[in-house]
Amino acid sequence: MPYFIYRITERPLKLLSKLEEHEIYRNASARVKELRAEHAQDTNTTIKMIHAETELQAEDLLNEIRERQPELGDD
């Protein structure tokens, strides 16, 4: 399964832009770190890597609304 790299823009709308696709985790991870450094000043942009079978599945996973994980002291 490939690793997809996306640029996510939150405002004014959530937009997903596929940047790259890699077969090897190490290459994808290194590239994500480079892209995050390049976009560090842009507060509306997030760079994410996702492991999925297809581009469609990757976008579905990125659009999922996930519940906040409970933390120690949350009662």
C-alpha atoms as a PDB file:
ATOM      1  CA  MET A   1       0.000   0.000   0.000  1.00  0.00           C
ATOM      2  CA  PRO A   2       1.315   3.430  -0.858  1.00  0.00           C
ATOM      3  CA  TYR A   3       1.860   6.416   1.396  1.00  0.00           C
ATOM      4  CA  PHE A   4       0.043   9.539   0.239  1.00  0.00           C
ATOM      5  CA  ILE A   5       1.142  13.042   1.180  1.00  0.00           C
ATOM      6  CA  TYR A   6      -1.521  15.745   1.335  1.00  0.00           C
ATOM      7  CA  ARG A   7      -1.617  19.472   1.961  1.00  0.00           C
ATOM      8  CA  ILE A   8      -4.722  20.314   3.992  1.00  0.00           C
ATOM      9  CA  THR A   9      -5.989  23.885   4.016  1.00  0.00           C
ATOM     10  CA  GLU A  10      -8.527  24.573   6.768  1.00  0.00           C
ATOM     11  CA  ARG A  11      -9.813  28.044   5.899  1.00  0.00           C
ATOM     12  CA  PRO A  12     -12.113  29.160   4.421  1.00  0.00           C
ATOM     13  CA  LEU A  13     -12.944  25.531   3.498  1.00  0.00           C
ATOM     14  CA  LYS A  14     -11.188  22.266   4.216  1.00  0.00           C
ATOM     15  CA  LEU A  15      -9.349  21.434   1.008  1.00  0.00           C
ATOM     16  CA  LEU A  16      -7.244  18.333   0.400  1.00  0.00           C
ATOM     17  CA  SER A  17      -4.497  18.558  -2.206  1.00  0.00           C
ATOM     18  CA  LYS A  18      -2.532  15.414  -2.984  1.00  0.00           C
ATOM     19  CA  LEU A  19       1.125  16.358  -3.300  1.00  0.00           C
ATOM     20  CA  GLU A  20       2.945  13.055  -3.678  1.00  0.00           C
ATOM     21  CA  GLU A  21       2.735   9.276  -3.393  1.00  0.00           C
ATOM     22  CA  HIS A  22       5.530   6.977  -2.153  1.00  0.00           C
ATOM     23  CA  GLU A  23       5.850   3.222  -1.818  1.00  0.00           C
ATOM     24  CA  ILE A  24       8.534   3.286   0.891  1.00  0.00           C
ATOM     25  CA  TYR A  25       7.779   4.691   4.353  1.00  0.00           C
ATOM     26  CA  ARG A  26      11.255   6.115   4.908  1.00  0.00           C
ATOM     27  CA  ASN A  27      11.084   8.170   1.685  1.00  0.00           C
ATOM     28  CA  ALA A  28       7.562   9.412   2.460  1.00  0.00           C
ATOM     29  CA  SER A  29       8.494  10.335   6.024  1.00  0.00           C
ATOM     30  CA  ALA A  30      11.564  12.295   4.942  1.00  0.00           C
ATOM     31  CA  ARG A  31       9.574  14.164   2.306  1.00  0.00           C
ATOM     32  CA  VAL A  32       6.797  15.052   4.781  1.00  0.00           C
ATOM     33  CA  LYS A  33       9.398  16.538   7.124  1.00  0.00           C
ATOM     34  CA  GLU A  34      10.803  18.659   4.271  1.00  0.00           C
ATOM     35  CA  LEU A  35       7.344  19.874   3.249  1.00  0.00           C
ATOM     36  CA  ARG A  36       6.388  20.715   6.834  1.00  0.00           C
ATOM     37  CA  ALA A  37       9.547  22.801   7.184  1.00  0.00           C
ATOM     38  CA  GLU A  38       8.711  24.630   3.935  1.00  0.00           C
ATOM     39  CA  HIS A  39       5.148  25.387   5.119  1.00  0.00           C
ATOM     40  CA  ALA A  40       5.999  26.160   8.749  1.00  0.00           C
ATOM     41  CA  GLN A  41       4.981  29.828   8.411  1.00  0.00           C
ATOM     42  CA  ASP A  42       1.547  29.046   6.930  1.00  0.00           C
ATOM     43  CA  THR A  43      -0.833  28.580   9.873  1.00  0.00           C
ATOM     44  CA  ASN A  44      -3.759  27.513   7.644  1.00  0.00           C
ATOM     45  CA  THR A  45      -1.880  24.612   6.061  1.00  0.00           C
ATOM     46  CA  THR A  46      -1.141  21.155   7.439  1.00  0.00           C
ATOM     47  CA  ILE A  47       0.960  18.487   5.734  1.00  0.00           C
ATOM     48  CA  LYS A  48      -0.117  14.912   6.468  1.00  0.00           C
ATOM     49  CA  MET A  49       0.957  11.472   5.361  1.00  0.00           C
ATOM     50  CA  ILE A  50      -1.579   8.655   5.198  1.00  0.00           C
ATOM     51  CA  HIS A  51      -1.191   4.954   4.421  1.00  0.00           C
ATOM     52  CA  ALA A  52      -4.070   3.708   2.288  1.00  0.00           C
ATOM     53  CA  GLU A  53      -4.865   1.356  -0.573  1.00  0.00           C
ATOM     54  CA  THR A  54      -6.171   4.084  -2.885  1.00  0.00           C
ATOM     55  CA  GLU A  55      -6.265   7.848  -3.147  1.00  0.00           C
ATOM     56  CA  LEU A  56     -10.020   7.766  -2.484  1.00  0.00           C
ATOM     57  CA  GLN A  57      -9.550   5.775   0.727  1.00  0.00           C
ATOM     58  CA  ALA A  58      -6.810   8.187   1.819  1.00  0.00           C
ATOM     59  CA  GLU A  59      -9.120  11.171   1.355  1.00  0.00           C
ATOM     60  CA  ASP A  60     -11.941   9.403   3.207  1.00  0.00           C
ATOM     61  CA  LEU A  61      -9.624   8.724   6.151  1.00  0.00           C
ATOM     62  CA  LEU A  62      -8.409  12.332   6.190  1.00  0.00           C
ATOM     63  CA  ASN A  63     -12.001  13.615   6.200  1.00  0.00           C
ATOM     64  CA  GLU A  64     -13.100  11.405   9.112  1.00  0.00           C
ATOM     65  CA  ILE A  65     -14.098  13.280  12.225  1.00  0.00           C
ATOM     66  CA  ARG A  66     -12.341  11.560  15.086  1.00  0.00           C
ATOM     67  CA  GLU A  67     -13.322  11.917  18.715  1.00  0.00           C
ATOM     68  CA  ARG A  68     -10.807  13.444  21.069  1.00  0.00           C
ATOM     69  CA  GLN A  69      -8.948  10.789  23.033  1.00  0.00           C
ATOM     70  CA  PRO A  70      -9.507  10.979  26.801  1.00  0.00           C
ATOM     71  CA  GLU A  71      -6.517  12.231  28.756  1.00  0.00           C
ATOM     72  CA  LEU A  72      -5.437  11.577  32.278  1.00  0.00           C
ATOM     73  CA  GLY A  73      -7.585  13.729  34.556  1.00  0.00           C
ATOM     74  CA  ASP A  74     -10.599  13.913  32.197  1.00  0.00           C
ATOM     75  CA  ASP A  75     -13.490  12.965  34.442  1.00  0.00           C
END
